[in-house]
Amino acid sequence: MASPKSIYQLILIDDHAMFRKALANYIAAYDEFTVIFEAGSGKELMQYFKTGKIPDIILLDIKMPDMDGFAVAEWLKKNYPQIKVLAISSDDDGVSISKIIRSGAKGFLSKNLEPDDLYQALKSLLKGNYYLPQTHLNDMVEAMHSNKDLAATDYSFSQNEREFLKWACTDLSYKEIAEKMFVSARTVEDYRDSLYKKLNVHSRQELAIFAVKNGYAINQ
């Protein structure tokens, strides 16, 4: 007899009630997810936590009155770091995406999403991964390139690993990165595998998000 699927609890935060309802309808089609609360603001969410019920994932809009999504994400990161935050917003420019990721969100989707994108994003977050469509990743990298105030965090990376991190944020293949770095494709794969192990990530997308979030994609 097959064991029953786990049911993961979600909260939706968006000041547009119609969009919240549409999102809830999408989620209702997924057997393993359920919406336990809807809020129109960050302050409503804070009041909800007085119940003591902690969700697995929070779907968060960025542009809201009183307390925007950046502030909510920062508050969650400080007070409930175990909750995974997926930002879903019409503010899908690179600056907003990079800021919400640095504020603590584990993924981002535009409000022009497809139901399958939402499902894949939720599943990715539950696995402990980041989720960001390639188009949005490219936008974020572009925005971060112009941010002169962001300094790279000090990790124990070799110079070659640092250079590889910069190229990992581009659309270049590993073979093309090897040519840029004047090394073999096998050596590039070694850099990748070493960084996967050091950072406990499992995909090039996660590696690129880390690089952007921590300043390694700047001045490429």
Protein backbone atom coordinates (compact mmCIF):
# COMPACT_ATOMS: atom_id res chain seq x y z
CA MET A 1 0.00 0.00 0.00
CA ALA A 2 1.43 3.34 -1.06
CA SER A 3 2.10 5.82 1.73
CA PRO A 4 0.03 9.03 1.60
CA LYS A 5 1.67 12.16 0.20
CA SER A 6 2.78 14.84 2.61
CA ILE A 7 0.58 17.93 2.57
CA TYR A 8 2.58 21.15 2.61
CA GLN A 9 0.99 24.29 4.02
CA LEU A 10 1.13 27.59 2.17
CA ILE A 11 0.29 31.21 2.97
CA LEU A 12 -0.48 33.79 0.27
CA ILE A 13 0.36 37.47 0.83
CA ASP A 14 -0.88 39.93 -1.78
CA ASP A 15 -2.95 43.08 -1.45
CA HIS A 16 -4.95 42.19 -4.59
CA ALA A 17 -7.69 39.80 -3.47
CA MET A 18 -8.55 38.66 -7.00
CA PHE A 19 -4.97 37.57 -7.68
CA ARG A 20 -4.83 35.76 -4.34
CA LYS A 21 -7.98 33.84 -5.24
CA ALA A 22 -6.62 32.94 -8.67
CA LEU A 23 -3.39 31.71 -7.08
CA ALA A 24 -5.34 29.72 -4.50
CA ASN A 25 -7.30 28.09 -7.32
CA TYR A 26 -4.05 27.04 -9.02
CA ILE A 27 -2.76 25.54 -5.79
CA ALA A 28 -6.04 23.70 -5.13
CA ALA A 29 -5.24 21.54 -8.16
CA TYR A 30 -2.06 20.23 -6.49
CA ASP A 31 -2.70 17.31 -4.15
CA GLU A 32 0.35 17.92 -1.95
CA PHE A 33 -0.25 21.63 -1.25
CA THR A 34 -2.92 23.48 0.67
CA VAL A 35 -3.46 27.17 1.43
CA ILE A 36 -4.00 27.70 5.15
CA PHE A 37 -4.17 31.50 5.22
CA GLU A 38 -4.40 34.53 2.93
CA ALA A 39 -3.19 37.98 3.90
CA GLY A 40 -3.43 41.36 2.25
CA SER A 41 -0.41 42.83 4.03
CA GLY A 42 2.67 42.02 6.04
CA LYS A 43 0.99 43.26 9.20
CA GLU A 44 -1.82 40.73 8.73
CA LEU A 45 0.81 38.02 8.43
CA MET A 46 2.45 39.07 11.68
CA GLN A 47 -0.91 38.87 13.42
CA TYR A 48 -1.41 35.38 11.99
CA PHE A 49 1.81 34.09 13.56
CA LYS A 50 0.30 34.71 16.99
CA THR A 51 -1.71 31.52 16.33
CA GLY A 52 1.52 29.55 16.50
CA LYS A 53 0.89 27.86 13.15
CA ILE A 54 3.95 27.87 10.89
CA PRO A 55 3.59 27.25 7.12
CA ASP A 56 6.12 25.50 4.91
CA ILE A 57 6.08 28.14 2.16
CA ILE A 58 4.94 31.75 1.88
CA LEU A 59 4.04 33.20 -1.53
CA LEU A 60 4.82 36.89 -1.28
CA ASP A 61 4.05 39.94 -3.40
CA ILE A 62 6.63 42.74 -3.45
CA LYS A 63 4.56 45.88 -3.91
CA MET A 64 2.20 46.24 -0.95
CA PRO A 65 1.09 49.18 1.25
CA ASP A 66 2.44 49.78 4.78
CA MET A 67 5.04 47.00 4.62
CA ASP A 68 6.43 45.94 1.24
CA GLY A 69 7.61 42.47 0.30
CA PHE A 70 11.27 43.30 0.93
CA ALA A 71 10.51 44.22 4.54
CA VAL A 72 8.33 41.12 4.98
CA ALA A 73 11.06 38.85 3.58
CA GLU A 74 13.67 40.41 5.89
CA TRP A 75 11.35 39.96 8.87
CA LEU A 76 10.72 36.33 7.99
CA LYS A 77 14.42 35.65 7.49
CA LYS A 78 15.11 37.00 10.98
CA ASN A 79 12.15 35.46 12.83
CA TYR A 80 11.19 32.34 10.85
CA PRO A 81 14.22 31.30 8.76
CA GLN A 82 12.79 27.80 8.31
CA ILE A 83 9.96 29.14 6.12
CA LYS A 84 10.69 29.16 2.40
CA VAL A 85 9.64 32.37 0.62
CA LEU A 86 8.63 32.48 -3.05
CA ALA A 87 8.14 36.00 -4.38
CA ILE A 88 5.44 36.40 -7.05
CA SER A 89 5.22 39.95 -8.35
CA SER A 90 4.60 42.20 -11.34
CA ASP A 91 7.79 44.03 -10.28
CA ASP A 92 9.92 41.67 -12.34
CA ASP A 93 12.85 43.97 -13.15
CA GLY A 94 16.34 42.82 -12.30
CA VAL A 95 16.80 45.26 -9.42
CA SER A 96 13.62 44.11 -7.64
CA ILE A 97 14.46 40.44 -8.18
CA SER A 98 18.01 40.79 -6.84
CA LYS A 99 16.76 42.76 -3.83
CA ILE A 100 14.05 40.25 -2.89
CA ILE A 101 16.52 37.34 -3.20
CA ARG A 102 19.00 39.18 -0.97
CA SER A 103 16.14 39.90 1.44
CA GLY A 104 15.65 36.18 1.93
CA ALA A 105 13.36 34.85 -0.82
CA LYS A 106 14.36 31.49 -2.28
CA GLY A 107 12.71 32.09 -5.64
CA PHE A 108 10.86 34.49 -7.88
CA LEU A 109 8.06 34.27 -10.44
CA SER A 110 6.38 36.98 -12.49
CA LYS A 111 2.62 37.34 -12.08
CA ASN A 112 2.40 36.34 -15.75
CA LEU A 113 3.13 32.80 -14.62
CA GLU A 114 1.97 29.50 -15.98
CA PRO A 115 0.49 26.99 -13.51
CA ASP A 116 3.29 24.53 -14.26
CA ASP A 117 5.89 27.19 -13.40
CA LEU A 118 4.29 27.63 -10.00
CA TYR A 119 4.26 23.90 -9.32
CA GLN A 120 7.91 23.49 -10.34
CA ALA A 121 8.89 26.45 -8.16
CA LEU A 122 7.13 25.04 -5.11
CA LYS A 123 8.69 21.60 -5.57
CA SER A 124 12.12 23.16 -6.04
CA LEU A 125 11.89 25.16 -2.81
CA LEU A 126 10.82 22.08 -0.86
CA LYS A 127 13.99 20.33 -2.03
CA GLY A 128 16.01 23.18 -0.56
CA ASN A 129 16.80 24.71 -3.95
CA TYR A 130 16.38 28.20 -5.35
CA TYR A 131 13.99 28.75 -8.24
CA LEU A 132 14.42 31.49 -10.83
CA PRO A 133 13.55 31.22 -14.55
CA GLN A 134 16.55 31.87 -16.80
CA THR A 135 15.09 35.13 -18.13
CA HIS A 136 14.79 36.54 -14.62
CA LEU A 137 18.26 35.26 -13.72
CA ASN A 138 19.66 37.17 -16.70
CA ASP A 139 17.80 40.32 -15.62
CA MET A 140 19.14 39.96 -12.09
CA VAL A 141 22.72 39.54 -13.30
CA GLU A 142 22.41 42.67 -15.45
CA ALA A 143 21.12 44.66 -12.49
CA MET A 144 23.82 43.40 -10.16
CA HIS A 145 26.55 44.33 -12.64
CA SER A 146 25.61 47.98 -12.18
CA ASN A 147 25.52 47.77 -8.38
CA LYS A 148 28.90 49.12 -7.34
CA ASP A 149 28.09 48.98 -3.62
CA LEU A 150 27.79 45.20 -3.43
CA ALA A 151 31.04 43.58 -2.31
CA ALA A 152 31.83 39.89 -2.66
CA THR A 153 31.45 37.95 0.58
CA ASP A 154 34.65 36.34 1.79
CA TYR A 155 34.53 32.60 1.09
CA SER A 156 37.45 30.21 0.79
CA PHE A 157 37.43 30.11 -3.00
CA SER A 158 40.45 29.87 -5.23
CA GLN A 159 41.00 32.59 -7.83
CA ASN A 160 39.93 30.15 -10.56
CA GLU A 161 36.72 29.27 -8.68
CA ARG A 162 35.93 32.98 -8.34
CA GLU A 163 36.44 33.48 -12.07
CA PHE A 164 34.28 30.46 -12.86
CA LEU A 165 31.50 31.85 -10.66
CA LYS A 166 31.43 34.99 -12.80
CA TRP A 167 31.12 33.00 -16.02
CA ALA A 168 28.50 30.71 -14.47
CA CYS A 169 26.11 33.69 -14.49
CA THR A 170 26.21 33.91 -18.28
CA ASP A 171 24.56 31.86 -21.04
CA LEU A 172 27.90 30.32 -22.03
CA SER A 173 28.22 26.55 -22.08
CA TYR A 174 30.83 24.87 -19.91
CA LYS A 175 32.93 24.28 -23.03
CA GLU A 176 32.77 27.98 -23.88
CA ILE A 177 33.65 28.91 -20.28
CA ALA A 178 36.68 26.60 -20.51
CA GLU A 179 37.82 28.48 -23.62
CA LYS A 180 37.41 31.83 -21.85
CA MET A 181 39.44 30.58 -18.89
CA PHE A 182 42.07 28.83 -21.10
CA VAL A 183 41.57 25.50 -19.35
CA SER A 184 40.06 22.15 -20.32
CA ALA A 185 36.37 21.36 -20.06
CA ARG A 186 37.26 18.72 -17.44
CA THR A 187 38.96 21.39 -15.31
CA VAL A 188 35.88 23.60 -15.50
CA GLU A 189 33.78 20.67 -14.35
CA ASP A 190 36.17 20.24 -11.42
CA TYR A 191 35.63 23.89 -10.44
CA ARG A 192 31.88 23.36 -10.68
CA ASP A 193 31.92 20.17 -8.60
CA SER A 194 34.11 21.79 -5.95
CA LEU A 195 31.77 24.76 -5.65
CA TYR A 196 28.70 22.51 -5.53
CA LYS A 197 30.26 20.71 -2.57
CA LYS A 198 31.41 23.88 -0.75
CA LEU A 199 28.07 25.63 -1.16
CA ASN A 200 25.79 22.59 -0.95
CA VAL A 201 24.03 23.45 -4.20
CA HIS A 202 22.95 21.09 -6.93
CA SER A 203 22.52 23.07 -10.15
CA ARG A 204 24.14 25.80 -12.22
CA GLN A 205 21.12 28.01 -11.60
CA GLU A 206 21.62 27.82 -7.83
CA LEU A 207 25.33 28.51 -8.32
CA ALA A 208 24.53 31.59 -10.42
CA ILE A 209 22.01 32.87 -7.88
CA PHE A 210 24.63 32.47 -5.14
CA ALA A 211 27.19 34.34 -7.25
CA VAL A 212 24.83 37.24 -7.89
CA LYS A 213 23.54 37.35 -4.32
CA ASN A 214 27.06 37.52 -2.89
CA GLY A 215 28.70 39.85 -5.39
CA TYR A 216 30.78 37.43 -7.43
CA ALA A 217 29.05 38.29 -10.71
CA ILE A 218 30.12 41.93 -10.62
CA ASN A 219 32.70 43.47 -12.97
CA GLN A 220 32.68 40.40 -15.16
